[in-house]
């Protein structure tokens, strides 16, 4: 069965070295998004990138193999994404958050889902 709806994609860009209460920030964000009830979340570990400070982080050079980029991507309805953004305000010290309107098509095996 196919469900179609207007949704939003929330993208959170942080570094793998970023911390929240002594643990990885990206893991804390995933936990918080799950608590909020966000429909789906994926964490993508980047191989290379730079941010606001223009410092290159890459796997190509052994001495730079720290602070690689992490992208957390979440999809849900706009109301729930707004709640997530408010929670992120309390967690992120440095990073970037983007929100994009999308049209989501969700395929489910069980029509009762």
C-alpha atoms as a PDB file:
ATOM      1  CA  UNK A   1       0.000   0.000   0.000  1.00  0.00           C
ATOM      2  CA  UNK A   2       1.131   3.522  -0.733  1.00  0.00           C
ATOM      3  CA  UNK A   3       0.678   6.578   1.548  1.00  0.00           C
ATOM      4  CA  UNK A   4       1.330  10.052   0.165  1.00  0.00           C
ATOM      5  CA  UNK A   5       1.638  13.262   2.170  1.00  0.00           C
ATOM      6  CA  UNK A   6       3.318  16.632   2.388  1.00  0.00           C
ATOM      7  CA  UNK A   7       6.344  16.334   4.664  1.00  0.00           C
ATOM      8  CA  UNK A   8       9.658  17.972   5.515  1.00  0.00           C
ATOM      9  CA  UNK A   9      13.229  16.769   5.471  1.00  0.00           C
ATOM     10  CA  UNK A  10      15.328  17.958   8.390  1.00  0.00           C
ATOM     11  CA  UNK A  11      19.083  17.815   7.796  1.00  0.00           C
ATOM     12  CA  UNK A  12      21.538  18.345  10.636  1.00  0.00           C
ATOM     13  CA  UNK A  13      25.231  18.791   9.818  1.00  0.00           C
ATOM     14  CA  UNK A  14      27.658  18.269  12.716  1.00  0.00           C
ATOM     15  CA  UNK A  15      31.140  16.868  13.238  1.00  0.00           C
ATOM     16  CA  UNK A  16      31.847  13.376  14.500  1.00  0.00           C
ATOM     17  CA  UNK A  17      33.852  14.857  17.385  1.00  0.00           C
ATOM     18  CA  UNK A  18      30.926  16.997  18.627  1.00  0.00           C
ATOM     19  CA  UNK A  19      29.742  15.958  22.081  1.00  0.00           C
ATOM     20  CA  UNK A  20      26.549  16.212  24.126  1.00  0.00           C
ATOM     21  CA  UNK A  21      26.646  15.289  27.817  1.00  0.00           C
ATOM     22  CA  UNK A  22      29.818  13.229  27.338  1.00  0.00           C
ATOM     23  CA  UNK A  23      28.691  11.216  24.313  1.00  0.00           C
ATOM     24  CA  UNK A  24      28.512  11.702  20.551  1.00  0.00           C
ATOM     25  CA  UNK A  25      26.167  14.536  19.584  1.00  0.00           C
ATOM     26  CA  UNK A  26      24.838  12.674  16.560  1.00  0.00           C
ATOM     27  CA  UNK A  27      23.773   9.721  18.748  1.00  0.00           C
ATOM     28  CA  UNK A  28      22.061  12.056  21.227  1.00  0.00           C
ATOM     29  CA  UNK A  29      20.202  13.729  18.355  1.00  0.00           C
ATOM     30  CA  UNK A  30      18.973  10.375  17.018  1.00  0.00           C
ATOM     31  CA  UNK A  31      17.783   9.418  20.507  1.00  0.00           C
ATOM     32  CA  UNK A  32      15.955  12.747  20.898  1.00  0.00           C
ATOM     33  CA  UNK A  33      14.317  12.464  17.456  1.00  0.00           C
ATOM     34  CA  UNK A  34      13.132   8.963  18.331  1.00  0.00           C
ATOM     35  CA  UNK A  35      11.679  10.243  21.638  1.00  0.00           C
ATOM     36  CA  UNK A  36       9.817  12.961  19.721  1.00  0.00           C
ATOM     37  CA  UNK A  37       8.401  10.309  17.399  1.00  0.00           C
ATOM     38  CA  UNK A  38      10.035  11.390  14.146  1.00  0.00           C
ATOM     39  CA  UNK A  39       9.004   8.947  11.411  1.00  0.00           C
ATOM     40  CA  UNK A  40      12.477   8.153  10.088  1.00  0.00           C
ATOM     41  CA  UNK A  41      16.091   9.102  10.779  1.00  0.00           C
ATOM     42  CA  UNK A  42      19.351   8.206   9.021  1.00  0.00           C
ATOM     43  CA  UNK A  43      22.919   9.097  10.022  1.00  0.00           C
ATOM     44  CA  UNK A  44      25.451   9.429   7.206  1.00  0.00           C
ATOM     45  CA  UNK A  45      29.172   9.493   7.994  1.00  0.00           C
ATOM     46  CA  UNK A  46      31.019  11.697   5.526  1.00  0.00           C
ATOM     47  CA  UNK A  47      34.431  10.933   4.062  1.00  0.00           C
ATOM     48  CA  UNK A  48      35.415  14.527   3.484  1.00  0.00           C
ATOM     49  CA  UNK A  49      34.092  18.013   4.042  1.00  0.00           C
ATOM     50  CA  UNK A  50      34.499  21.409   5.633  1.00  0.00           C
ATOM     51  CA  UNK A  51      32.238  23.802   7.457  1.00  0.00           C
ATOM     52  CA  UNK A  52      32.074  27.408   8.577  1.00  0.00           C
ATOM     53  CA  UNK A  53      35.759  27.523   9.534  1.00  0.00           C
ATOM     54  CA  UNK A  54      36.853  26.167   6.118  1.00  0.00           C
ATOM     55  CA  UNK A  55      39.093  23.537   7.750  1.00  0.00           C
ATOM     56  CA  UNK A  56      39.237  20.414   5.576  1.00  0.00           C
ATOM     57  CA  UNK A  57      38.350  17.145   7.286  1.00  0.00           C
ATOM     58  CA  UNK A  58      39.205  14.089   5.215  1.00  0.00           C
ATOM     59  CA  UNK A  59      40.107  10.428   5.308  1.00  0.00           C
ATOM     60  CA  UNK A  60      42.755  10.997   2.616  1.00  0.00           C
ATOM     61  CA  UNK A  61      45.477  12.162   5.002  1.00  0.00           C
ATOM     62  CA  UNK A  62      46.213  10.285   8.204  1.00  0.00           C
ATOM     63  CA  UNK A  63      46.867  13.451  10.222  1.00  0.00           C
ATOM     64  CA  UNK A  64      43.505  14.971   9.262  1.00  0.00           C
ATOM     65  CA  UNK A  65      41.451  11.865  10.053  1.00  0.00           C
ATOM     66  CA  UNK A  66      39.449  13.579  12.796  1.00  0.00           C
ATOM     67  CA  UNK A  67      36.233  15.501  12.911  1.00  0.00           C
ATOM     68  CA  UNK A  68      34.703  14.007   9.793  1.00  0.00           C
ATOM     69  CA  UNK A  69      31.271  15.342   8.824  1.00  0.00           C
ATOM     70  CA  UNK A  70      28.088  13.692  10.057  1.00  0.00           C
ATOM     71  CA  UNK A  71      24.727  14.256   8.354  1.00  0.00           C
ATOM     72  CA  UNK A  72      21.562  13.357  10.240  1.00  0.00           C
ATOM     73  CA  UNK A  73      18.522  13.275   7.995  1.00  0.00           C
ATOM     74  CA  UNK A  74      14.963  13.008   9.301  1.00  0.00           C
ATOM     75  CA  UNK A  75      11.600  12.968   7.524  1.00  0.00           C
ATOM     76  CA  UNK A  76       8.211  13.709   9.037  1.00  0.00           C
ATOM     77  CA  UNK A  77       5.244  16.071   8.924  1.00  0.00           C
ATOM     78  CA  UNK A  78       5.980  19.788   9.458  1.00  0.00           C
ATOM     79  CA  UNK A  79       4.463  19.948  12.977  1.00  0.00           C
ATOM     80  CA  UNK A  80       6.744  17.219  14.271  1.00  0.00           C
ATOM     81  CA  UNK A  81       9.796  18.690  12.498  1.00  0.00           C
ATOM     82  CA  UNK A  82       9.109  21.993  14.295  1.00  0.00           C
ATOM     83  CA  UNK A  83       9.190  20.183  17.632  1.00  0.00           C
ATOM     84  CA  UNK A  84      12.481  18.554  16.624  1.00  0.00           C
ATOM     85  CA  UNK A  85      14.070  21.894  15.726  1.00  0.00           C
ATOM     86  CA  UNK A  86      13.128  23.311  19.122  1.00  0.00           C
ATOM     87  CA  UNK A  87      14.844  20.331  20.786  1.00  0.00           C
ATOM     88  CA  UNK A  88      17.952  20.769  18.638  1.00  0.00           C
ATOM     89  CA  UNK A  89      18.269  24.367  19.838  1.00  0.00           C
ATOM     90  CA  UNK A  90      19.154  22.938  23.247  1.00  0.00           C
ATOM     91  CA  UNK A  91      21.704  20.463  21.872  1.00  0.00           C
ATOM     92  CA  UNK A  92      23.738  22.013  19.061  1.00  0.00           C
ATOM     93  CA  UNK A  93      26.513  24.504  19.809  1.00  0.00           C
ATOM     94  CA  UNK A  94      27.993  24.555  16.309  1.00  0.00           C
ATOM     95  CA  UNK A  95      26.522  23.067  13.149  1.00  0.00           C
ATOM     96  CA  UNK A  96      23.969  23.656  10.435  1.00  0.00           C
ATOM     97  CA  UNK A  97      20.299  22.705  10.198  1.00  0.00           C
ATOM     98  CA  UNK A  98      18.257  22.826   6.995  1.00  0.00           C
ATOM     99  CA  UNK A  99      14.585  22.118   6.414  1.00  0.00           C
ATOM    100  CA  UNK A 100      13.091  21.330   3.029  1.00  0.00           C
ATOM    101  CA  UNK A 101       9.463  20.817   2.041  1.00  0.00           C
ATOM    102  CA  UNK A 102       8.953  17.503   0.239  1.00  0.00           C
ATOM    103  CA  UNK A 103       6.197  15.249  -0.971  1.00  0.00           C
ATOM    104  CA  UNK A 104       6.659  11.883   0.725  1.00  0.00           C
ATOM    105  CA  UNK A 105       5.509   8.554  -0.635  1.00  0.00           C
ATOM    106  CA  UNK A 106       5.641   5.768   1.937  1.00  0.00           C
ATOM    107  CA  UNK A 107       5.215   2.174   0.860  1.00  0.00           C
ATOM    108  CA  UNK A 108       3.969  -0.278   3.484  1.00  0.00           C
ATOM    109  CA  UNK A 109       3.477  -4.009   3.271  1.00  0.00           C
ATOM    110  CA  UNK A 110       0.662  -4.110   5.832  1.00  0.00           C
ATOM    111  CA  UNK A 111      -2.324  -1.857   4.989  1.00  0.00           C
ATOM    112  CA  UNK A 112      -3.021  -1.471   8.754  1.00  0.00           C
ATOM    113  CA  UNK A 113       0.369   0.258   9.318  1.00  0.00           C
END
